[in-house]
């Protein structure tokens, strides 16, 4: 059976574990996203959510109508993995709603935001596990959520962005960022810390495509700050992950 949430979200939960766990987990995470980005953003576009463990990776699928979020949790009883995956794709969904051109993306930047916000959502899920309907099944699961996000946070590698010194370098990072996620892990963790310290400003990240430079590889953070005076410090902090490349 399919479950409709908020009139635009459909959960495909044909399997037993999906029927038991997908809806309470999704509603828990979705509620946090509505707090961050608001109902207008998170209910803007119909979307189907489904789990496909045989697929290679989670994805926001945009070449269908309606669009779809695919998670690949190997077992819906592994709640931390589903939360982490669906949070990543919900971040892509939220960003999509402010794109004038739905196809445009600055992958190295957007993926880093999504990865950082996924860890942030896991931390919130740990802190607020008592709000999830599954809390009554396993109150101690908060500890698993903490271990899961700490483990991700601790998996780091040398930064490819810090080594970037030319447009060619940045173009290479852009085209390989899906495969080389750990190459941006230091920046991911840095953004996570910013989100923790400035939670009220997180909502502005969805506007980044409106400030992409003509080269398609960088963000014009100065213009972004001019238009968002209340979040100027937050945007300044975001800008520090962008490689400084001279013309």
Protein backbone atom coordinates (compact mmCIF):
# COMPACT_ATOMS: atom_id res chain seq x y z
CA UNK A 1 0.00 0.00 0.00
CA UNK A 2 1.03 3.62 -0.47
CA UNK A 3 0.89 6.19 2.31
CA UNK A 4 0.22 9.84 1.53
CA UNK A 5 1.84 12.45 3.76
CA UNK A 6 1.09 16.15 3.58
CA UNK A 7 -0.88 15.66 0.34
CA UNK A 8 2.25 15.61 -1.87
CA UNK A 9 4.45 12.87 -0.39
CA UNK A 10 3.76 9.23 -1.22
CA UNK A 11 5.60 6.40 0.53
CA UNK A 12 5.74 3.07 -1.28
CA UNK A 13 5.80 0.51 1.48
CA UNK A 14 4.94 -2.84 0.00
CA UNK A 15 7.22 -4.92 2.23
CA UNK A 16 6.47 -5.80 5.84
CA UNK A 17 9.44 -3.91 7.30
CA UNK A 18 8.62 -0.91 5.13
CA UNK A 19 5.06 -0.81 6.46
CA UNK A 20 6.33 -1.02 10.03
CA UNK A 21 9.25 1.39 9.87
CA UNK A 22 9.32 3.63 6.81
CA UNK A 23 6.42 5.89 7.72
CA UNK A 24 7.45 6.66 11.33
CA UNK A 25 11.07 7.22 10.29
CA UNK A 26 10.14 9.41 7.34
CA UNK A 27 7.62 11.46 9.33
CA UNK A 28 10.21 11.98 12.06
CA UNK A 29 12.87 13.23 9.63
CA UNK A 30 10.40 15.12 7.46
CA UNK A 31 9.15 17.00 10.51
CA UNK A 32 12.67 18.23 11.22
CA UNK A 33 13.06 19.35 7.60
CA UNK A 34 9.82 21.31 7.81
CA UNK A 35 11.17 23.05 10.91
CA UNK A 36 14.34 24.03 9.03
CA UNK A 37 12.97 24.96 5.60
CA UNK A 38 9.24 25.48 6.20
CA UNK A 39 6.09 23.90 4.79
CA UNK A 40 6.18 25.98 1.61
CA UNK A 41 9.47 24.41 0.55
CA UNK A 42 8.91 20.88 1.84
CA UNK A 43 5.40 20.60 0.38
CA UNK A 44 6.18 22.34 -2.89
CA UNK A 45 6.37 19.40 -5.27
CA UNK A 46 4.82 15.91 -5.28
CA UNK A 47 7.36 13.19 -4.59
CA UNK A 48 7.35 9.42 -4.17
CA UNK A 49 9.69 7.82 -1.62
CA UNK A 50 10.72 4.19 -1.97
CA UNK A 51 13.45 1.87 -0.76
CA UNK A 52 15.37 -0.26 -3.27
CA UNK A 53 18.23 -2.11 -1.54
CA UNK A 54 19.39 -3.72 -4.79
CA UNK A 55 20.13 -0.33 -6.39
CA UNK A 56 23.71 1.00 -6.20
CA UNK A 57 23.05 4.32 -4.43
CA UNK A 58 20.31 6.61 -3.06
CA UNK A 59 19.07 9.27 -5.44
CA UNK A 60 16.64 12.10 -6.03
CA UNK A 61 15.18 10.99 -9.37
CA UNK A 62 14.03 14.01 -11.36
CA UNK A 63 13.29 12.58 -14.81
CA UNK A 64 9.92 11.21 -13.68
CA UNK A 65 6.59 12.82 -12.90
CA UNK A 66 6.26 12.98 -9.98
CA UNK A 67 9.88 13.04 -8.93
CA UNK A 68 11.10 10.28 -6.61
CA UNK A 69 13.45 9.75 -3.70
CA UNK A 70 15.13 6.36 -3.72
CA UNK A 71 16.86 5.04 -0.63
CA UNK A 72 18.91 1.86 -0.65
CA UNK A 73 18.84 0.82 3.00
CA UNK A 74 19.76 -2.83 3.05
CA UNK A 75 17.26 -3.44 5.84
CA UNK A 76 14.52 -1.07 7.05
CA UNK A 77 15.28 -2.30 10.55
CA UNK A 78 18.61 -0.47 10.19
CA UNK A 79 16.95 2.82 11.03
CA UNK A 80 20.11 4.95 11.16
CA UNK A 81 20.99 4.16 7.56
CA UNK A 82 17.53 5.08 6.30
CA UNK A 83 17.58 8.36 8.23
CA UNK A 84 20.99 9.24 6.85
CA UNK A 85 20.05 8.43 3.26
CA UNK A 86 16.64 10.06 3.21
CA UNK A 87 18.02 13.22 4.87
CA UNK A 88 20.56 13.58 2.07
CA UNK A 89 17.91 13.30 -0.63
CA UNK A 90 15.46 15.56 1.21
CA UNK A 91 18.19 18.21 1.19
CA UNK A 92 18.45 17.90 -2.59
CA UNK A 93 14.64 18.17 -2.73
CA UNK A 94 14.63 21.36 -0.62
CA UNK A 95 17.37 22.96 -2.72
CA UNK A 96 15.52 22.03 -5.92
CA UNK A 97 12.50 24.11 -4.89
CA UNK A 98 14.45 27.37 -5.17
CA UNK A 99 16.14 26.57 -8.48
CA UNK A 100 14.99 28.76 -11.35
CA UNK A 101 16.40 26.08 -13.63
CA UNK A 102 15.62 22.72 -12.02
CA UNK A 103 18.47 21.04 -13.93
CA UNK A 104 21.24 23.33 -12.73
CA UNK A 105 23.58 22.06 -10.02
CA UNK A 106 26.99 22.86 -8.62
CA UNK A 107 27.72 19.32 -7.54
CA UNK A 108 30.83 19.79 -5.41
CA UNK A 109 29.04 22.43 -3.34
CA UNK A 110 25.55 20.92 -3.20
CA UNK A 111 26.79 17.44 -2.39
CA UNK A 112 28.91 18.79 0.46
CA UNK A 113 25.87 20.61 1.85
CA UNK A 114 23.76 17.45 1.60
CA UNK A 115 26.42 15.31 3.25
CA UNK A 116 26.87 17.79 6.10
CA UNK A 117 23.15 18.19 6.65
CA UNK A 118 22.68 14.41 6.72
CA UNK A 119 25.09 14.19 9.66
CA UNK A 120 23.36 17.15 11.30
CA UNK A 121 19.97 15.44 10.95
CA UNK A 122 21.41 12.26 12.46
CA UNK A 123 22.65 14.27 15.41
CA UNK A 124 19.20 15.84 15.84
CA UNK A 125 17.61 12.40 15.52
CA UNK A 126 19.90 11.21 18.32
CA UNK A 127 18.97 14.18 20.52
CA UNK A 128 15.26 13.96 19.72
CA UNK A 129 14.75 10.22 19.36
CA UNK A 130 12.01 10.37 21.99
CA UNK A 131 9.89 12.28 19.44
CA UNK A 132 9.92 9.38 16.96
CA UNK A 133 7.07 6.88 17.12
CA UNK A 134 9.65 4.08 17.11
CA UNK A 135 11.05 5.30 20.41
CA UNK A 136 8.58 3.08 22.25
CA UNK A 137 9.99 0.05 20.39
CA UNK A 138 13.60 0.84 21.24
CA UNK A 139 14.30 3.84 23.51
CA UNK A 140 18.02 3.00 23.53
CA UNK A 141 18.35 3.40 19.75
CA UNK A 142 19.47 6.99 20.27
CA UNK A 143 22.89 5.58 21.11
CA UNK A 144 23.04 3.79 17.74
CA UNK A 145 22.22 7.04 15.97
CA UNK A 146 25.05 8.78 17.79
CA UNK A 147 27.52 6.04 16.94
CA UNK A 148 26.43 6.13 13.29
CA UNK A 149 26.97 9.85 12.76
CA UNK A 150 30.19 9.95 14.79
CA UNK A 151 31.56 7.12 12.66
CA UNK A 152 30.75 9.06 9.47
CA UNK A 153 32.23 12.26 10.92
CA UNK A 154 35.45 10.45 11.79
CA UNK A 155 35.93 9.03 8.27
CA UNK A 156 38.05 11.69 6.65
CA UNK A 157 40.69 12.08 3.99
CA UNK A 158 42.92 14.85 2.67
CA UNK A 159 40.95 17.70 1.17
CA UNK A 160 40.84 17.90 -2.62
CA UNK A 161 39.37 21.40 -2.33
CA UNK A 162 42.33 22.69 -0.36
CA UNK A 163 44.68 21.34 -3.04
CA UNK A 164 42.63 22.97 -5.80
CA UNK A 165 44.54 25.81 -7.48
CA UNK A 166 42.98 26.19 -10.94
CA UNK A 167 39.68 26.02 -12.81
CA UNK A 168 40.84 22.73 -14.31
CA UNK A 169 41.33 21.32 -10.81
CA UNK A 170 37.87 22.51 -9.76
CA UNK A 171 36.29 21.10 -12.92
CA UNK A 172 37.87 17.74 -12.10
CA UNK A 173 36.47 17.91 -8.56
CA UNK A 174 33.05 18.80 -9.98
CA UNK A 175 32.99 15.79 -12.29
CA UNK A 176 34.33 13.31 -9.72
CA UNK A 177 32.65 14.54 -6.52
CA UNK A 178 30.02 11.79 -6.54
CA UNK A 179 32.69 9.10 -6.42
CA UNK A 180 35.23 10.92 -4.25
CA UNK A 181 33.10 11.97 -1.30
CA UNK A 182 35.84 11.55 1.25
CA UNK A 183 37.92 14.09 -0.68
CA UNK A 184 35.48 16.70 0.64
CA UNK A 185 35.07 15.13 4.09
CA UNK A 186 36.97 17.89 5.88
CA UNK A 187 34.66 20.49 4.34
CA UNK A 188 31.65 18.29 5.11
CA UNK A 189 32.62 18.23 8.78
CA UNK A 190 33.31 21.96 8.74
CA UNK A 191 29.81 22.67 7.39
CA UNK A 192 28.30 20.29 9.93
CA UNK A 193 29.91 22.34 12.72
CA UNK A 194 28.53 25.54 11.18
CA UNK A 195 25.05 24.02 11.05
CA UNK A 196 25.33 23.07 14.72
CA UNK A 197 26.44 26.57 15.73
CA UNK A 198 24.05 28.49 13.44
CA UNK A 199 20.93 26.33 13.06
CA UNK A 200 18.59 29.22 12.30
CA UNK A 201 20.57 30.12 9.18
CA UNK A 202 20.62 26.68 7.57
CA UNK A 203 17.53 27.52 5.51
CA UNK A 204 19.47 29.94 3.31
CA UNK A 205 21.60 27.19 1.74
CA UNK A 206 18.77 26.37 -0.69
CA UNK A 207 19.32 29.66 -2.52
CA UNK A 208 22.89 28.99 -3.62
CA UNK A 209 22.09 28.39 -7.32
CA UNK A 210 20.78 31.93 -7.60
CA UNK A 211 24.36 33.09 -7.00
CA UNK A 212 26.32 30.73 -9.20
CA UNK A 213 28.99 32.42 -11.27
CA UNK A 214 28.96 32.27 -15.06
CA UNK A 215 31.78 29.72 -15.05
CA UNK A 216 29.35 27.25 -13.48
CA UNK A 217 31.96 26.17 -10.92
CA UNK A 218 31.79 28.79 -8.19
CA UNK A 219 29.34 30.70 -6.04
CA UNK A 220 29.29 34.52 -5.82
CA UNK A 221 29.18 34.65 -2.04
CA UNK A 222 29.59 38.45 -1.94
CA UNK A 223 26.34 38.99 -3.83
CA UNK A 224 24.65 36.33 -1.73
CA UNK A 225 25.64 38.19 1.45
CA UNK A 226 24.35 41.51 0.11
CA UNK A 227 20.92 39.97 -0.44
CA UNK A 228 20.91 38.16 2.93
CA UNK A 229 22.19 40.60 5.54
CA UNK A 230 20.67 38.64 8.41
CA UNK A 231 22.71 35.57 7.45
CA UNK A 232 25.88 37.37 6.36
CA UNK A 233 28.14 35.64 8.88
CA UNK A 234 26.72 32.22 8.02
CA UNK A 235 27.27 32.76 4.29
CA UNK A 236 30.80 34.00 4.99
CA UNK A 237 31.48 30.75 6.79
CA UNK A 238 30.07 28.77 3.85
CA UNK A 239 32.33 30.65 1.46
CA UNK A 240 35.46 29.39 3.16
CA UNK A 241 35.14 25.94 1.57
CA UNK A 242 35.33 27.42 -1.94
CA UNK A 243 38.85 27.30 -3.40
CA UNK A 244 40.41 30.69 -4.04
CA UNK A 245 41.24 30.64 -7.74
CA UNK A 246 42.60 33.67 -9.52
CA UNK A 247 41.61 34.39 -13.10
